[in-house]
Amino acid sequence: MSGARLIHLNGPPGIGKTTLARRYAVEHPGVLLCDIDVLRTMIGGWQDDDGAAGRVRTAALALVTGYLTTGYDVVLPQLVARHDQLGRFAAAAREAGAEHIHVMLTTDPETVVRRFHARDDAAYDEWTSYATGFWVAEGGDAALLTVSARLDALPAVRVPSTDPETTYRALLVALGEHV
């Protein structure tokens, strides 16, 4: 094993995956922040391309595997609610001789909905606006609660998502790092 880790931060929309991943990468030189949602926006016409999500995830898995083989960690903020898709990330890490650490950021259902709507009010980039529209079209609050329940059923290291500082410290503890 290379000693490298794929640190997959999972959880419902708006729970803080990207914020946490960005901070982790900043405070851990050499760590690659692989944000699949950002990569998706780099495909021409991505908003109207139903296949873009699958193609970019496949490309990201190749990037993750390649980077892990260098011996450095990858932090990946990505909502994945299906066992088969989660298995693809675990397989990418295995192929690189790295460890896959699946971290689920958790909170209560009311907070999931509240944070999602707060994110909507602060839509700061094209992806966030698109994703907000997607979840609204999928059924809004009910869809958020459904995906949250599916996420709860996945095996993972669970980290409560409270405020950014407490959540970050809990992540470090979950990863076996000294705080």
N, C-alpha and C. Protein backbone atom coordinates (compact mmCIF):
# COMPACT_ATOMS: atom_id res chain seq x y z
N MET A 1 0.84 -1.19 0.00
CA MET A 1 0.00 0.00 0.00
C MET A 1 0.88 1.24 0.00
N SER A 2 0.47 2.24 -0.77
CA SER A 2 1.27 3.46 -0.92
C SER A 2 1.19 4.36 0.30
N GLY A 3 0.26 4.11 1.20
CA GLY A 3 0.06 5.00 2.34
C GLY A 3 -0.90 6.14 2.00
N ALA A 4 -1.23 6.25 0.72
CA ALA A 4 -2.16 7.30 0.30
C ALA A 4 -3.59 6.91 0.66
N ARG A 5 -4.43 7.92 0.79
CA ARG A 5 -5.83 7.70 1.14
C ARG A 5 -6.75 8.49 0.21
N LEU A 6 -7.83 7.87 -0.18
CA LEU A 6 -8.92 8.58 -0.83
C LEU A 6 -9.92 8.89 0.28
N ILE A 7 -10.00 10.15 0.63
CA ILE A 7 -10.89 10.61 1.69
C ILE A 7 -12.16 11.14 1.01
N HIS A 8 -13.18 10.31 1.01
CA HIS A 8 -14.43 10.64 0.32
C HIS A 8 -15.40 11.25 1.32
N LEU A 9 -15.66 12.55 1.17
CA LEU A 9 -16.61 13.25 2.02
C LEU A 9 -17.98 13.20 1.35
N ASN A 10 -18.91 12.53 1.99
CA ASN A 10 -20.24 12.30 1.44
C ASN A 10 -21.27 12.94 2.36
N GLY A 11 -22.44 13.18 1.84
CA GLY A 11 -23.53 13.72 2.64
C GLY A 11 -24.50 14.46 1.75
N PRO A 12 -25.62 14.88 2.32
CA PRO A 12 -26.65 15.55 1.53
C PRO A 12 -26.17 16.92 1.02
N PRO A 13 -26.88 17.48 0.06
CA PRO A 13 -26.51 18.79 -0.47
C PRO A 13 -26.52 19.85 0.63
N GLY A 14 -25.49 20.69 0.63
CA GLY A 14 -25.44 21.80 1.57
C GLY A 14 -24.91 21.47 2.95
N ILE A 15 -24.45 20.25 3.16
CA ILE A 15 -24.00 19.85 4.50
C ILE A 15 -22.58 20.33 4.82
N GLY A 16 -21.82 20.70 3.80
CA GLY A 16 -20.48 21.24 4.04
C GLY A 16 -19.35 20.42 3.46
N LYS A 17 -19.64 19.51 2.54
CA LYS A 17 -18.60 18.64 1.97
C LYS A 17 -17.49 19.45 1.30
N THR A 18 -17.86 20.36 0.44
CA THR A 18 -16.86 21.13 -0.30
C THR A 18 -16.09 22.07 0.61
N THR A 19 -16.78 22.74 1.50
CA THR A 19 -16.11 23.64 2.44
C THR A 19 -15.07 22.88 3.26
N LEU A 20 -15.44 21.72 3.75
CA LEU A 20 -14.53 20.89 4.54
C LEU A 20 -13.36 20.39 3.69
N ALA A 21 -13.65 19.96 2.47
CA ALA A 21 -12.60 19.45 1.59
C ALA A 21 -11.59 20.55 1.25
N ARG A 22 -12.08 21.74 0.99
CA ARG A 22 -11.17 22.86 0.68
C ARG A 22 -10.25 23.15 1.85
N ARG A 23 -10.80 23.19 3.04
CA ARG A 23 -9.96 23.46 4.21
C ARG A 23 -8.94 22.35 4.41
N TYR A 24 -9.38 21.11 4.26
CA TYR A 24 -8.46 19.98 4.45
C TYR A 24 -7.29 20.08 3.47
N ALA A 25 -7.59 20.37 2.22
CA ALA A 25 -6.52 20.47 1.21
C ALA A 25 -5.57 21.62 1.52
N VAL A 26 -6.10 22.75 1.94
CA VAL A 26 -5.26 23.90 2.28
C VAL A 26 -4.31 23.57 3.43
N GLU A 27 -4.80 22.82 4.41
CA GLU A 27 -4.00 22.54 5.60
C GLU A 27 -3.16 21.27 5.47
N HIS A 28 -3.22 20.59 4.32
CA HIS A 28 -2.46 19.37 4.09
C HIS A 28 -1.78 19.46 2.72
N PRO A 29 -0.62 20.11 2.67
CA PRO A 29 0.07 20.28 1.39
C PRO A 29 0.26 18.94 0.66
N GLY A 30 0.05 19.00 -0.64
CA GLY A 30 0.20 17.81 -1.48
C GLY A 30 -1.10 17.06 -1.70
N VAL A 31 -2.12 17.33 -0.88
CA VAL A 31 -3.42 16.67 -1.04
C VAL A 31 -4.12 17.27 -2.26
N LEU A 32 -4.66 16.41 -3.11
CA LEU A 32 -5.44 16.85 -4.25
C LEU A 32 -6.90 16.97 -3.84
N LEU A 33 -7.49 18.13 -4.05
CA LEU A 33 -8.92 18.32 -3.89
C LEU A 33 -9.53 18.01 -5.24
N CYS A 34 -10.24 16.91 -5.35
CA CYS A 34 -10.89 16.52 -6.60
C CYS A 34 -12.39 16.78 -6.46
N ASP A 35 -12.82 17.93 -6.96
CA ASP A 35 -14.23 18.31 -6.88
C ASP A 35 -14.90 17.98 -8.21
N ILE A 36 -15.60 16.88 -8.25
CA ILE A 36 -16.22 16.40 -9.48
C ILE A 36 -17.25 17.39 -10.00
N ASP A 37 -17.92 18.10 -9.12
CA ASP A 37 -18.90 19.08 -9.56
C ASP A 37 -18.23 20.22 -10.34
N VAL A 38 -17.07 20.66 -9.89
CA VAL A 38 -16.32 21.69 -10.62
C VAL A 38 -15.86 21.13 -11.96
N LEU A 39 -15.36 19.89 -11.97
CA LEU A 39 -14.92 19.28 -13.23
C LEU A 39 -16.08 19.22 -14.23
N ARG A 40 -17.26 18.92 -13.74
CA ARG A 40 -18.42 18.82 -14.64
C ARG A 40 -18.68 20.13 -15.36
N THR A 41 -18.49 21.26 -14.67
CA THR A 41 -18.75 22.56 -15.29
C THR A 41 -17.71 22.90 -16.36
N MET A 42 -16.67 22.08 -16.50
CA MET A 42 -15.64 22.31 -17.51
C MET A 42 -15.96 21.63 -18.83
N ILE A 43 -17.08 20.91 -18.88
CA ILE A 43 -17.52 20.26 -20.12
C ILE A 43 -18.43 21.23 -20.85
N GLY A 44 -18.11 21.53 -22.09
CA GLY A 44 -18.94 22.44 -22.87
C GLY A 44 -20.37 21.96 -22.94
N GLY A 45 -21.31 22.85 -22.61
CA GLY A 45 -22.73 22.52 -22.66
C GLY A 45 -23.20 21.58 -21.57
N TRP A 46 -22.46 21.48 -20.47
CA TRP A 46 -22.76 20.52 -19.40
C TRP A 46 -24.17 20.63 -18.86
N GLN A 47 -24.72 21.84 -18.84
CA GLN A 47 -26.06 22.02 -18.26
C GLN A 47 -27.13 21.24 -19.01
N ASP A 48 -26.92 21.04 -20.31
CA ASP A 48 -27.91 20.36 -21.14
C ASP A 48 -27.46 18.97 -21.58
N ASP A 49 -26.38 18.49 -21.01
CA ASP A 49 -25.79 17.21 -21.41
C ASP A 49 -26.04 16.17 -20.33
N ASP A 50 -27.06 15.34 -20.54
CA ASP A 50 -27.42 14.34 -19.53
C ASP A 50 -26.31 13.34 -19.24
N GLY A 51 -25.42 13.10 -20.21
CA GLY A 51 -24.33 12.15 -20.01
C GLY A 51 -23.09 12.73 -19.36
N ALA A 52 -23.06 14.05 -19.18
CA ALA A 52 -21.86 14.70 -18.63
C ALA A 52 -21.51 14.19 -17.24
N ALA A 53 -22.51 13.97 -16.41
CA ALA A 53 -22.24 13.54 -15.03
C ALA A 53 -21.51 12.20 -15.01
N GLY A 54 -21.97 11.25 -15.81
CA GLY A 54 -21.33 9.94 -15.83
C GLY A 54 -19.93 9.99 -16.41
N ARG A 55 -19.75 10.75 -17.50
CA ARG A 55 -18.43 10.85 -18.12
C ARG A 55 -17.43 11.53 -17.21
N VAL A 56 -17.85 12.59 -16.54
CA VAL A 56 -16.91 13.30 -15.68
C VAL A 56 -16.57 12.47 -14.44
N ARG A 57 -17.51 11.68 -13.94
CA ARG A 57 -17.21 10.81 -12.80
C ARG A 57 -16.19 9.76 -13.21
N THR A 58 -16.34 9.19 -14.40
CA THR A 58 -15.37 8.21 -14.90
C THR A 58 -13.98 8.85 -15.04
N ALA A 59 -13.94 10.05 -15.61
CA ALA A 59 -12.66 10.76 -15.75
C ALA A 59 -12.05 11.08 -14.39
N ALA A 60 -12.88 11.49 -13.44
CA ALA A 60 -12.39 11.82 -12.10
C ALA A 60 -11.82 10.58 -11.41
N LEU A 61 -12.46 9.43 -11.61
CA LEU A 61 -11.94 8.20 -11.01
C LEU A 61 -10.54 7.88 -11.54
N ALA A 62 -10.31 8.11 -12.84
CA ALA A 62 -8.97 7.90 -13.41
C ALA A 62 -7.98 8.88 -12.81
N LEU A 63 -8.38 10.13 -12.65
CA LEU A 63 -7.53 11.15 -12.03
C LEU A 63 -7.19 10.76 -10.60
N VAL A 64 -8.19 10.36 -9.85
CA VAL A 64 -8.00 9.95 -8.45
C VAL A 64 -7.01 8.79 -8.35
N THR A 65 -7.23 7.77 -9.16
CA THR A 65 -6.34 6.60 -9.14
C THR A 65 -4.92 7.01 -9.48
N GLY A 66 -4.76 7.79 -10.53
CA GLY A 66 -3.42 8.23 -10.93
C GLY A 66 -2.74 9.04 -9.84
N TYR A 67 -3.46 9.95 -9.22
CA TYR A 67 -2.85 10.79 -8.18
C TYR A 67 -2.48 9.98 -6.95
N LEU A 68 -3.36 9.06 -6.56
CA LEU A 68 -3.07 8.23 -5.39
C LEU A 68 -1.79 7.42 -5.59
N THR A 69 -1.49 7.01 -6.82
CA THR A 69 -0.27 6.23 -7.06
C THR A 69 0.99 7.04 -6.80
N THR A 70 0.87 8.36 -6.71
CA THR A 70 2.04 9.20 -6.38
C THR A 70 2.35 9.16 -4.88
N GLY A 71 1.44 8.54 -4.11
CA GLY A 71 1.65 8.45 -2.67
C GLY A 71 1.00 9.57 -1.88
N TYR A 72 0.26 10.43 -2.56
CA TYR A 72 -0.41 11.55 -1.89
C TYR A 72 -1.91 11.29 -1.79
N ASP A 73 -2.52 11.89 -0.77
CA ASP A 73 -3.95 11.74 -0.53
C ASP A 73 -4.77 12.54 -1.53
N VAL A 74 -6.03 12.11 -1.68
CA VAL A 74 -7.03 12.84 -2.44
C VAL A 74 -8.22 13.04 -1.52
N VAL A 75 -8.75 14.26 -1.47
CA VAL A 75 -9.99 14.51 -0.75
C VAL A 75 -11.06 14.80 -1.80
N LEU A 76 -12.18 14.11 -1.66
CA LEU A 76 -13.22 14.10 -2.68
C LEU A 76 -14.57 14.44 -2.05
N PRO A 77 -15.06 15.67 -2.25
CA PRO A 77 -16.40 15.99 -1.77
C PRO A 77 -17.42 15.59 -2.83
N GLN A 78 -18.18 14.54 -2.57
CA GLN A 78 -19.10 14.05 -3.61
C GLN A 78 -20.25 13.28 -2.98
N LEU A 79 -21.47 13.70 -3.28
CA LEU A 79 -22.65 12.97 -2.85
C LEU A 79 -22.74 11.70 -3.69
N VAL A 80 -22.70 10.57 -3.02
CA VAL A 80 -22.88 9.27 -3.67
C VAL A 80 -23.83 8.47 -2.79
N ALA A 81 -25.03 8.19 -3.32
CA ALA A 81 -26.06 7.53 -2.52
C ALA A 81 -26.34 6.09 -2.95
N ARG A 82 -25.55 5.58 -3.89
CA ARG A 82 -25.76 4.21 -4.37
C ARG A 82 -24.53 3.35 -4.08
N HIS A 83 -24.80 2.12 -3.61
CA HIS A 83 -23.72 1.18 -3.29
C HIS A 83 -22.80 0.94 -4.49
N ASP A 84 -23.38 0.76 -5.68
CA ASP A 84 -22.55 0.45 -6.84
C ASP A 84 -21.62 1.61 -7.18
N GLN A 85 -22.09 2.84 -7.05
CA GLN A 85 -21.24 3.99 -7.33
C GLN A 85 -20.17 4.17 -6.25
N LEU A 86 -20.56 3.93 -5.02
CA LEU A 86 -19.59 4.00 -3.92
C LEU A 86 -18.49 2.97 -4.15
N GLY A 87 -18.86 1.80 -4.65
CA GLY A 87 -17.89 0.74 -4.95
C GLY A 87 -16.87 1.16 -5.99
N ARG A 88 -17.27 2.02 -6.93
CA ARG A 88 -16.33 2.50 -7.94
C ARG A 88 -15.21 3.31 -7.30
N PHE A 89 -15.53 4.10 -6.29
CA PHE A 89 -14.51 4.90 -5.61
C PHE A 89 -13.58 4.01 -4.79
N ALA A 90 -14.15 3.03 -4.12
CA ALA A 90 -13.33 2.08 -3.36
C ALA A 90 -12.40 1.32 -4.29
N ALA A 91 -12.90 0.93 -5.46
CA ALA A 91 -12.08 0.20 -6.44
C ALA A 91 -10.95 1.08 -6.98
N ALA A 92 -11.22 2.35 -7.19
CA ALA A 92 -10.18 3.27 -7.67
C ALA A 92 -9.04 3.36 -6.66
N ALA A 93 -9.40 3.45 -5.39
CA ALA A 93 -8.37 3.50 -4.34
C ALA A 93 -7.58 2.19 -4.29
N ARG A 94 -8.30 1.06 -4.33
CA ARG A 94 -7.64 -0.25 -4.31
C ARG A 94 -6.66 -0.40 -5.46
N GLU A 95 -7.09 0.02 -6.65
CA GLU A 95 -6.25 -0.08 -7.84
C GLU A 95 -4.94 0.69 -7.66
N ALA A 96 -4.98 1.77 -6.90
CA ALA A 96 -3.79 2.58 -6.65
C ALA A 96 -3.01 2.09 -5.44
N GLY A 97 -3.51 1.04 -4.77
CA GLY A 97 -2.85 0.57 -3.56
C GLY A 97 -3.07 1.50 -2.39
N ALA A 98 -4.18 2.23 -2.42
CA ALA A 98 -4.47 3.22 -1.39
C ALA A 98 -5.69 2.79 -0.57
N GLU A 99 -5.89 3.48 0.51
CA GLU A 99 -7.02 3.24 1.39
C GLU A 99 -8.19 4.14 0.99
N HIS A 100 -9.39 3.60 1.02
CA HIS A 100 -10.59 4.39 0.77
C HIS A 100 -11.27 4.63 2.11
N ILE A 101 -11.40 5.89 2.48
CA ILE A 101 -12.07 6.25 3.73
C ILE A 101 -13.34 7.00 3.35
N HIS A 102 -14.46 6.36 3.60
CA HIS A 102 -15.76 6.95 3.27
C HIS A 102 -16.30 7.64 4.52
N VAL A 103 -16.35 8.96 4.48
CA VAL A 103 -16.79 9.77 5.62
C VAL A 103 -18.16 10.35 5.28
N MET A 104 -19.14 10.06 6.12
CA MET A 104 -20.48 10.59 5.93
C MET A 104 -20.69 11.74 6.91
N LEU A 105 -20.94 12.92 6.36
CA LEU A 105 -21.28 14.07 7.20
C LEU A 105 -22.77 13.98 7.51
N THR A 106 -23.12 14.07 8.78
CA THR A 106 -24.50 13.84 9.20
C THR A 106 -25.05 14.99 10.01
N THR A 107 -26.34 15.14 9.93
CA THR A 107 -27.08 16.06 10.78
C THR A 107 -28.55 15.63 10.74
N ASP A 108 -29.38 16.30 11.51
CA ASP A 108 -30.80 15.94 11.54
C ASP A 108 -31.51 16.44 10.29
N PRO A 109 -32.66 15.83 9.96
CA PRO A 109 -33.37 16.19 8.72
C PRO A 109 -33.74 17.68 8.61
N GLU A 110 -34.15 18.28 9.70
CA GLU A 110 -34.52 19.70 9.65
C GLU A 110 -33.33 20.57 9.27
N THR A 111 -32.16 20.22 9.78
CA THR A 111 -30.96 20.99 9.47
C THR A 111 -30.55 20.78 8.01
N VAL A 112 -30.72 19.56 7.48
CA VAL A 112 -30.43 19.31 6.07
C VAL A 112 -31.24 20.27 5.20
N VAL A 113 -32.53 20.37 5.46
CA VAL A 113 -33.42 21.23 4.68
C VAL A 113 -33.03 22.70 4.87
N ARG A 114 -32.80 23.11 6.10
CA ARG A 114 -32.45 24.51 6.39
C ARG A 114 -31.16 24.91 5.68
N ARG A 115 -30.13 24.05 5.76
CA ARG A 115 -28.85 24.37 5.11
C ARG A 115 -28.98 24.42 3.60
N PHE A 116 -29.78 23.52 3.05
CA PHE A 116 -29.99 23.54 1.61
C PHE A 116 -30.58 24.88 1.18
N HIS A 117 -31.58 25.34 1.90
CA HIS A 117 -32.22 26.61 1.54
C HIS A 117 -31.29 27.79 1.79
N ALA A 118 -30.47 27.71 2.80
CA ALA A 118 -29.49 28.77 3.05
C ALA A 118 -28.48 28.82 1.91
N ARG A 119 -28.09 27.65 1.43
CA ARG A 119 -27.16 27.59 0.30
C ARG A 119 -27.82 28.20 -0.93
N ASP A 120 -29.08 27.93 -1.12
CA ASP A 120 -29.81 28.47 -2.26
C ASP A 120 -29.77 30.00 -2.23
N ASP A 121 -29.94 30.58 -1.04
CA ASP A 121 -29.92 32.04 -0.90
C ASP A 121 -28.53 32.60 -1.22
N ALA A 122 -27.51 31.79 -1.05
CA ALA A 122 -26.14 32.26 -1.24
C ALA A 122 -25.52 31.63 -2.49
N ALA A 123 -26.36 31.31 -3.49
CA ALA A 123 -25.86 30.65 -4.70
C ALA A 123 -24.73 31.48 -5.29
N TYR A 124 -23.54 30.98 -5.13
CA TYR A 124 -22.35 31.77 -5.46
C TYR A 124 -21.65 31.31 -6.72
N ASP A 125 -22.10 30.26 -7.33
CA ASP A 125 -21.46 29.83 -8.56
C ASP A 125 -22.47 29.08 -9.42
N GLU A 126 -22.06 28.84 -10.66
CA GLU A 126 -22.95 28.22 -11.63
C GLU A 126 -23.38 26.82 -11.19
N TRP A 127 -22.46 26.04 -10.61
CA TRP A 127 -22.81 24.68 -10.20
C TRP A 127 -23.85 24.70 -9.08
N THR A 128 -23.66 25.56 -8.09
CA THR A 128 -24.60 25.60 -6.96
C THR A 128 -25.99 25.97 -7.45
N SER A 129 -26.07 26.93 -8.37
CA SER A 129 -27.37 27.31 -8.93
C SER A 129 -28.01 26.14 -9.66
N TYR A 130 -27.20 25.43 -10.45
CA TYR A 130 -27.70 24.28 -11.20
C TYR A 130 -28.18 23.19 -10.24
N ALA A 131 -27.35 22.87 -9.25
CA ALA A 131 -27.69 21.79 -8.30
C ALA A 131 -28.93 22.14 -7.50
N THR A 132 -29.08 23.40 -7.13
CA THR A 132 -30.27 23.82 -6.40
C THR A 132 -31.51 23.58 -7.25
N GLY A 133 -31.43 23.97 -8.51
CA GLY A 133 -32.56 23.74 -9.42
C GLY A 133 -32.85 22.26 -9.59
N PHE A 134 -31.79 21.46 -9.66
CA PHE A 134 -31.96 20.01 -9.80
C PHE A 134 -32.76 19.45 -8.62
N TRP A 135 -32.35 19.79 -7.40
CA TRP A 135 -33.03 19.24 -6.22
C TRP A 135 -34.46 19.75 -6.10
N VAL A 136 -34.68 20.99 -6.49
CA VAL A 136 -36.05 21.51 -6.48
C VAL A 136 -36.91 20.72 -7.46
N ALA A 137 -36.37 20.48 -8.67
CA ALA A 137 -37.11 19.72 -9.69
C ALA A 137 -37.35 18.26 -9.27
N GLU A 138 -36.43 17.71 -8.47
CA GLU A 138 -36.56 16.32 -8.01
C GLU A 138 -37.60 16.16 -6.91
N GLY A 139 -38.07 17.28 -6.35
CA GLY A 139 -39.09 17.19 -5.31
C GLY A 139 -38.79 18.04 -4.09
N GLY A 140 -37.77 18.88 -4.17
CA GLY A 140 -37.49 19.82 -3.09
C GLY A 140 -37.15 19.14 -1.78
N ASP A 141 -37.78 19.60 -0.72
CA ASP A 141 -37.48 19.11 0.62
C ASP A 141 -37.67 17.60 0.74
N ALA A 142 -38.71 17.07 0.11
CA ALA A 142 -38.96 15.62 0.17
C ALA A 142 -37.81 14.85 -0.47
N ALA A 143 -37.29 15.35 -1.58
CA ALA A 143 -36.16 14.69 -2.25
C ALA A 143 -34.91 14.74 -1.38
N LEU A 144 -34.70 15.87 -0.72
CA LEU A 144 -33.54 15.98 0.18
C LEU A 144 -33.64 14.96 1.31
N LEU A 145 -34.81 14.82 1.88
CA LEU A 145 -35.00 13.88 2.98
C LEU A 145 -34.86 12.43 2.50
N THR A 146 -35.32 12.16 1.29
CA THR A 146 -35.18 10.81 0.73
C THR A 146 -33.72 10.46 0.51
N VAL A 147 -32.95 11.37 -0.10
CA VAL A 147 -31.53 11.08 -0.32
C VAL A 147 -30.79 10.98 1.00
N SER A 148 -31.17 11.79 1.98
CA SER A 148 -30.53 11.72 3.29
C SER A 148 -30.75 10.34 3.93
N ALA A 149 -31.96 9.82 3.80
CA ALA A 149 -32.26 8.48 4.34
C ALA A 149 -31.43 7.42 3.62
N ARG A 150 -31.27 7.53 2.30
CA ARG A 150 -30.44 6.58 1.55
C ARG A 150 -28.99 6.66 2.00
N LEU A 151 -28.52 7.86 2.25
CA LEU A 151 -27.13 8.04 2.70
C LEU A 151 -26.93 7.41 4.08
N ASP A 152 -27.93 7.54 4.93
CA ASP A 152 -27.85 6.97 6.29
C ASP A 152 -27.64 5.46 6.25
N ALA A 153 -28.08 4.80 5.19
CA ALA A 153 -27.99 3.35 5.10
C ALA A 153 -26.61 2.87 4.59
N LEU A 154 -25.78 3.78 4.12
CA LEU A 154 -24.47 3.38 3.59
C LEU A 154 -23.44 3.20 4.71
N PRO A 155 -22.54 2.24 4.54
CA PRO A 155 -21.47 2.08 5.53
C PRO A 155 -20.48 3.24 5.40
N ALA A 156 -20.12 3.84 6.52
CA ALA A 156 -19.20 4.98 6.50
C ALA A 156 -18.76 5.31 7.91
N VAL A 157 -17.68 6.06 7.98
CA VAL A 157 -17.29 6.71 9.23
C VAL A 157 -18.19 7.94 9.33
N ARG A 158 -18.91 8.07 10.41
CA ARG A 158 -19.86 9.17 10.54
C ARG A 158 -19.25 10.33 11.32
N VAL A 159 -19.40 11.53 10.75
CA VAL A 159 -18.91 12.75 11.39
C VAL A 159 -20.09 13.73 11.46
N PRO A 160 -20.47 14.13 12.66
CA PRO A 160 -21.56 15.09 12.79
C PRO A 160 -21.16 16.44 12.18
N SER A 161 -22.04 16.99 11.37
CA SER A 161 -21.79 18.30 10.77
C SER A 161 -22.54 19.33 11.59
N THR A 162 -21.77 20.10 12.33
CA THR A 162 -22.36 21.15 13.17
C THR A 162 -21.87 22.49 12.62
N ASP A 163 -20.99 23.14 13.34
CA ASP A 163 -20.37 24.36 12.80
C ASP A 163 -19.07 23.96 12.10
N PRO A 164 -18.55 24.81 11.20
CA PRO A 164 -17.37 24.43 10.41
C PRO A 164 -16.15 24.01 11.25
N GLU A 165 -15.86 24.71 12.31
CA GLU A 165 -14.67 24.39 13.11
C GLU A 165 -14.81 23.06 13.83
N THR A 166 -15.94 22.84 14.47
CA THR A 166 -16.17 21.59 15.20
C THR A 166 -16.20 20.41 14.23
N THR A 167 -16.83 20.60 13.08
CA THR A 167 -16.90 19.53 12.09
C THR A 167 -15.51 19.19 11.57
N TYR A 168 -14.70 20.21 11.30
CA TYR A 168 -13.34 19.97 10.80
C TYR A 168 -12.52 19.20 11.83
N ARG A 169 -12.61 19.59 13.07
CA ARG A 169 -11.88 18.87 14.14
C ARG A 169 -12.35 17.42 14.25
N ALA A 170 -13.65 17.19 14.13
CA ALA A 170 -14.20 15.84 14.18
C ALA A 170 -13.70 15.00 12.99
N LEU A 171 -13.57 15.64 11.82
CA LEU A 171 -13.03 14.95 10.67
C LEU A 171 -11.58 14.51 10.94
N LEU A 172 -10.78 15.42 11.47
CA LEU A 172 -9.39 15.09 11.76
C LEU A 172 -9.30 13.90 12.73
N VAL A 173 -10.14 13.90 13.75
CA VAL A 173 -10.16 12.80 14.71
C VAL A 173 -10.56 11.51 13.99
N ALA A 174 -11.58 11.58 13.14
CA ALA A 174 -12.04 10.39 12.41
C ALA A 174 -10.94 9.84 11.50
N LEU A 175 -10.07 10.71 11.02
CA LEU A 175 -8.97 10.30 10.14
C LEU A 175 -7.72 9.89 10.93
N GLY A 176 -7.83 9.95 12.25
CA GLY A 176 -6.70 9.54 13.09
C GLY A 176 -5.61 10.59 13.20
N GLU A 177 -5.95 11.83 12.91
CA GLU A 177 -4.97 12.91 13.01
C GLU A 177 -5.12 13.59 14.37
N HIS A 178 -4.02 14.06 14.87
CA HIS A 178 -4.05 14.76 16.17
C HIS A 178 -4.63 16.15 15.98
N VAL A 179 -5.44 16.55 16.93
CA VAL A 179 -6.08 17.86 16.84
C VAL A 179 -5.40 18.84 17.76
